[in-house]
Amino acid sequence: MCFVQQAVVGSPATLHQLPPTEAGKRYVDFMGGADNVLRQAKESFDQGDYRWVAEVVNHVVFADASNVAAKPPSM
């Protein structure tokens, strides 16, 4: 019997993550839908919390690539 043990670096939650599209759909649903996420993202943007806005809006984009409101004008 061969047993291989690997060290866990960081959080175990990152060992087997969902693909971005599936994760995006679940995050957006969990956060009350795309409209709610974008409304809250606008508030965070107005407060200067740009990194957080990029993170949460990224989930909206992966959940629904056709959501024009979630993308910057150049995309």
N, C-alpha and C. Protein backbone atom coordinates (compact mmCIF):
# COMPACT_ATOMS: atom_id res chain seq x y z
N MET A 1 0.85 -1.16 0.00
CA MET A 1 0.00 0.00 0.00
C MET A 1 0.90 1.24 0.00
N CYS A 2 0.60 2.14 -0.88
CA CYS A 2 1.38 3.36 -0.99
C CYS A 2 0.51 4.54 -0.55
N PHE A 3 1.02 5.33 0.35
CA PHE A 3 0.28 6.48 0.86
C PHE A 3 1.11 7.73 0.60
N VAL A 4 0.53 8.67 -0.10
CA VAL A 4 1.21 9.93 -0.38
C VAL A 4 0.49 11.02 0.38
N GLN A 5 1.24 11.75 1.16
CA GLN A 5 0.65 12.85 1.92
C GLN A 5 1.20 14.15 1.37
N GLN A 6 0.29 15.07 1.08
CA GLN A 6 0.71 16.37 0.59
C GLN A 6 0.35 17.43 1.62
N ALA A 7 1.20 18.40 1.74
CA ALA A 7 0.93 19.50 2.66
C ALA A 7 -0.13 20.41 2.06
N VAL A 8 -1.05 20.84 2.89
CA VAL A 8 -2.06 21.79 2.45
C VAL A 8 -1.53 23.19 2.72
N VAL A 9 -1.44 23.95 1.67
CA VAL A 9 -0.96 25.33 1.79
C VAL A 9 -2.16 26.24 1.60
N GLY A 10 -2.42 27.08 2.59
CA GLY A 10 -3.58 27.97 2.50
C GLY A 10 -4.84 27.26 2.96
N SER A 11 -5.94 27.69 2.42
CA SER A 11 -7.24 27.17 2.81
C SER A 11 -7.59 25.89 2.06
N PRO A 12 -8.09 24.88 2.75
CA PRO A 12 -8.53 23.67 2.07
C PRO A 12 -9.65 23.93 1.06
N ALA A 13 -10.35 25.04 1.21
CA ALA A 13 -11.45 25.37 0.29
C ALA A 13 -10.93 25.63 -1.13
N THR A 14 -9.65 25.89 -1.27
CA THR A 14 -9.10 26.17 -2.60
C THR A 14 -8.52 24.94 -3.28
N LEU A 15 -8.63 23.78 -2.65
CA LEU A 15 -8.05 22.57 -3.22
C LEU A 15 -8.80 22.04 -4.43
N HIS A 16 -10.11 22.16 -4.44
CA HIS A 16 -10.91 21.63 -5.55
C HIS A 16 -12.07 22.59 -5.82
N GLN A 17 -11.74 23.74 -6.40
CA GLN A 17 -12.74 24.78 -6.61
C GLN A 17 -13.63 24.46 -7.81
N LEU A 18 -14.81 25.04 -7.78
CA LEU A 18 -15.72 24.94 -8.91
C LEU A 18 -15.16 25.72 -10.09
N PRO A 19 -15.50 25.33 -11.32
CA PRO A 19 -15.11 26.13 -12.48
C PRO A 19 -15.74 27.53 -12.37
N PRO A 20 -15.10 28.55 -12.94
CA PRO A 20 -15.59 29.93 -12.78
C PRO A 20 -17.05 30.14 -13.18
N THR A 21 -17.51 29.50 -14.24
CA THR A 21 -18.90 29.69 -14.66
C THR A 21 -19.87 29.14 -13.63
N GLU A 22 -19.61 27.94 -13.15
CA GLU A 22 -20.48 27.34 -12.13
C GLU A 22 -20.42 28.13 -10.83
N ALA A 23 -19.22 28.51 -10.42
CA ALA A 23 -19.07 29.30 -9.19
C ALA A 23 -19.79 30.64 -9.34
N GLY A 24 -19.62 31.29 -10.49
CA GLY A 24 -20.28 32.57 -10.73
C GLY A 24 -21.78 32.48 -10.58
N LYS A 25 -22.37 31.45 -11.19
CA LYS A 25 -23.82 31.26 -11.10
C LYS A 25 -24.26 31.08 -9.65
N ARG A 26 -23.52 30.30 -8.91
CA ARG A 26 -23.88 30.04 -7.51
C ARG A 26 -23.70 31.28 -6.63
N TYR A 27 -22.59 32.00 -6.83
CA TYR A 27 -22.35 33.23 -6.07
C TYR A 27 -23.47 34.23 -6.32
N VAL A 28 -23.79 34.45 -7.59
CA VAL A 28 -24.80 35.46 -7.94
C VAL A 28 -26.15 35.06 -7.36
N ASP A 29 -26.52 33.80 -7.47
CA ASP A 29 -27.78 33.34 -6.89
C ASP A 29 -27.77 33.54 -5.38
N PHE A 30 -26.66 33.18 -4.75
CA PHE A 30 -26.51 33.29 -3.30
C PHE A 30 -26.62 34.74 -2.83
N MET A 31 -26.14 35.67 -3.67
CA MET A 31 -26.13 37.09 -3.31
C MET A 31 -27.39 37.82 -3.76
N GLY A 32 -28.42 37.08 -4.17
CA GLY A 32 -29.70 37.71 -4.48
C GLY A 32 -29.92 38.10 -5.92
N GLY A 33 -29.12 37.59 -6.82
CA GLY A 33 -29.32 37.86 -8.24
C GLY A 33 -28.40 38.96 -8.76
N ALA A 34 -28.28 38.99 -10.09
CA ALA A 34 -27.35 39.92 -10.73
C ALA A 34 -27.71 41.38 -10.45
N ASP A 35 -29.01 41.72 -10.50
CA ASP A 35 -29.40 43.10 -10.26
C ASP A 35 -28.99 43.56 -8.87
N ASN A 36 -29.16 42.71 -7.89
CA ASN A 36 -28.77 43.05 -6.52
C ASN A 36 -27.26 43.20 -6.40
N VAL A 37 -26.51 42.29 -7.00
CA VAL A 37 -25.05 42.37 -6.95
C VAL A 37 -24.58 43.67 -7.59
N LEU A 38 -25.13 44.00 -8.76
CA LEU A 38 -24.70 45.21 -9.46
C LEU A 38 -25.09 46.48 -8.70
N ARG A 39 -26.24 46.47 -8.05
CA ARG A 39 -26.66 47.62 -7.25
C ARG A 39 -25.68 47.84 -6.09
N GLN A 40 -25.35 46.75 -5.40
CA GLN A 40 -24.41 46.87 -4.29
C GLN A 40 -23.00 47.20 -4.78
N ALA A 41 -22.63 46.68 -5.95
CA ALA A 41 -21.32 46.99 -6.52
C ALA A 41 -21.21 48.48 -6.84
N LYS A 42 -22.29 49.08 -7.31
CA LYS A 42 -22.30 50.52 -7.60
C LYS A 42 -22.05 51.31 -6.32
N GLU A 43 -22.70 50.90 -5.24
CA GLU A 43 -22.49 51.57 -3.95
C GLU A 43 -21.03 51.43 -3.49
N SER A 44 -20.48 50.24 -3.62
CA SER A 44 -19.09 50.02 -3.23
C SER A 44 -18.13 50.81 -4.11
N PHE A 45 -18.45 50.90 -5.40
CA PHE A 45 -17.63 51.68 -6.33
C PHE A 45 -17.62 53.15 -5.91
N ASP A 46 -18.80 53.67 -5.59
CA ASP A 46 -18.91 55.07 -5.16
C ASP A 46 -18.11 55.35 -3.89
N GLN A 47 -17.89 54.31 -3.09
CA GLN A 47 -17.10 54.44 -1.86
C GLN A 47 -15.61 54.18 -2.11
N GLY A 48 -15.26 53.88 -3.35
CA GLY A 48 -13.85 53.68 -3.70
C GLY A 48 -13.33 52.28 -3.46
N ASP A 49 -14.21 51.31 -3.24
CA ASP A 49 -13.79 49.93 -2.95
C ASP A 49 -13.67 49.15 -4.26
N TYR A 50 -12.75 49.57 -5.13
CA TYR A 50 -12.66 49.08 -6.50
C TYR A 50 -12.26 47.61 -6.60
N ARG A 51 -11.38 47.14 -5.75
CA ARG A 51 -10.97 45.72 -5.82
C ARG A 51 -12.15 44.81 -5.50
N TRP A 52 -12.95 45.19 -4.50
CA TRP A 52 -14.11 44.38 -4.15
C TRP A 52 -15.12 44.38 -5.31
N VAL A 53 -15.34 45.54 -5.91
CA VAL A 53 -16.26 45.64 -7.05
C VAL A 53 -15.81 44.72 -8.17
N ALA A 54 -14.52 44.73 -8.49
CA ALA A 54 -14.00 43.86 -9.55
C ALA A 54 -14.25 42.39 -9.22
N GLU A 55 -14.07 42.03 -7.96
CA GLU A 55 -14.25 40.64 -7.56
C GLU A 55 -15.71 40.19 -7.69
N VAL A 56 -16.64 40.98 -7.17
CA VAL A 56 -18.04 40.53 -7.19
C VAL A 56 -18.65 40.64 -8.58
N VAL A 57 -18.29 41.68 -9.33
CA VAL A 57 -18.84 41.81 -10.68
C VAL A 57 -18.28 40.72 -11.59
N ASN A 58 -17.07 40.27 -11.32
CA ASN A 58 -16.51 39.16 -12.08
C ASN A 58 -17.40 37.92 -11.99
N HIS A 59 -18.01 37.70 -10.84
CA HIS A 59 -18.93 36.56 -10.69
C HIS A 59 -20.16 36.75 -11.58
N VAL A 60 -20.65 37.98 -11.69
CA VAL A 60 -21.80 38.24 -12.55
C VAL A 60 -21.45 37.96 -14.01
N VAL A 61 -20.27 38.36 -14.43
CA VAL A 61 -19.83 38.13 -15.81
C VAL A 61 -19.73 36.64 -16.09
N PHE A 62 -19.15 35.87 -15.18
CA PHE A 62 -19.04 34.42 -15.40
C PHE A 62 -20.39 33.74 -15.32
N ALA A 63 -21.30 34.26 -14.52
CA ALA A 63 -22.63 33.66 -14.40
C ALA A 63 -23.44 33.88 -15.67
N ASP A 64 -23.25 35.04 -16.31
CA ASP A 64 -24.02 35.38 -17.51
C ASP A 64 -23.17 36.30 -18.38
N ALA A 65 -22.46 35.71 -19.32
CA ALA A 65 -21.55 36.47 -20.18
C ALA A 65 -22.28 37.51 -21.02
N SER A 66 -23.58 37.39 -21.17
CA SER A 66 -24.33 38.35 -21.98
C SER A 66 -24.83 39.54 -21.16
N ASN A 67 -24.52 39.57 -19.87
CA ASN A 67 -24.98 40.67 -19.01
C ASN A 67 -24.15 41.91 -19.31
N VAL A 68 -24.70 42.77 -20.15
CA VAL A 68 -23.99 43.97 -20.61
C VAL A 68 -23.71 44.92 -19.46
N ALA A 69 -24.59 45.01 -18.49
CA ALA A 69 -24.41 45.94 -17.37
C ALA A 69 -23.20 45.58 -16.51
N ALA A 70 -22.77 44.33 -16.55
CA ALA A 70 -21.65 43.88 -15.72
C ALA A 70 -20.30 44.10 -16.37
N LYS A 71 -20.29 44.44 -17.66
CA LYS A 71 -19.04 44.57 -18.39
C LYS A 71 -18.67 46.03 -18.62
N PRO A 72 -17.36 46.30 -18.63
CA PRO A 72 -16.95 47.66 -18.99
C PRO A 72 -17.26 47.91 -20.46
N PRO A 73 -17.39 49.16 -20.87
CA PRO A 73 -17.75 49.49 -22.26
C PRO A 73 -16.85 48.88 -23.32
N SER A 74 -15.60 48.65 -23.02
CA SER A 74 -14.66 48.14 -24.04
C SER A 74 -14.81 46.65 -24.29
N MET A 75 -15.58 45.93 -23.49
CA MET A 75 -15.68 44.48 -23.67
C MET A 75 -16.77 44.14 -24.63
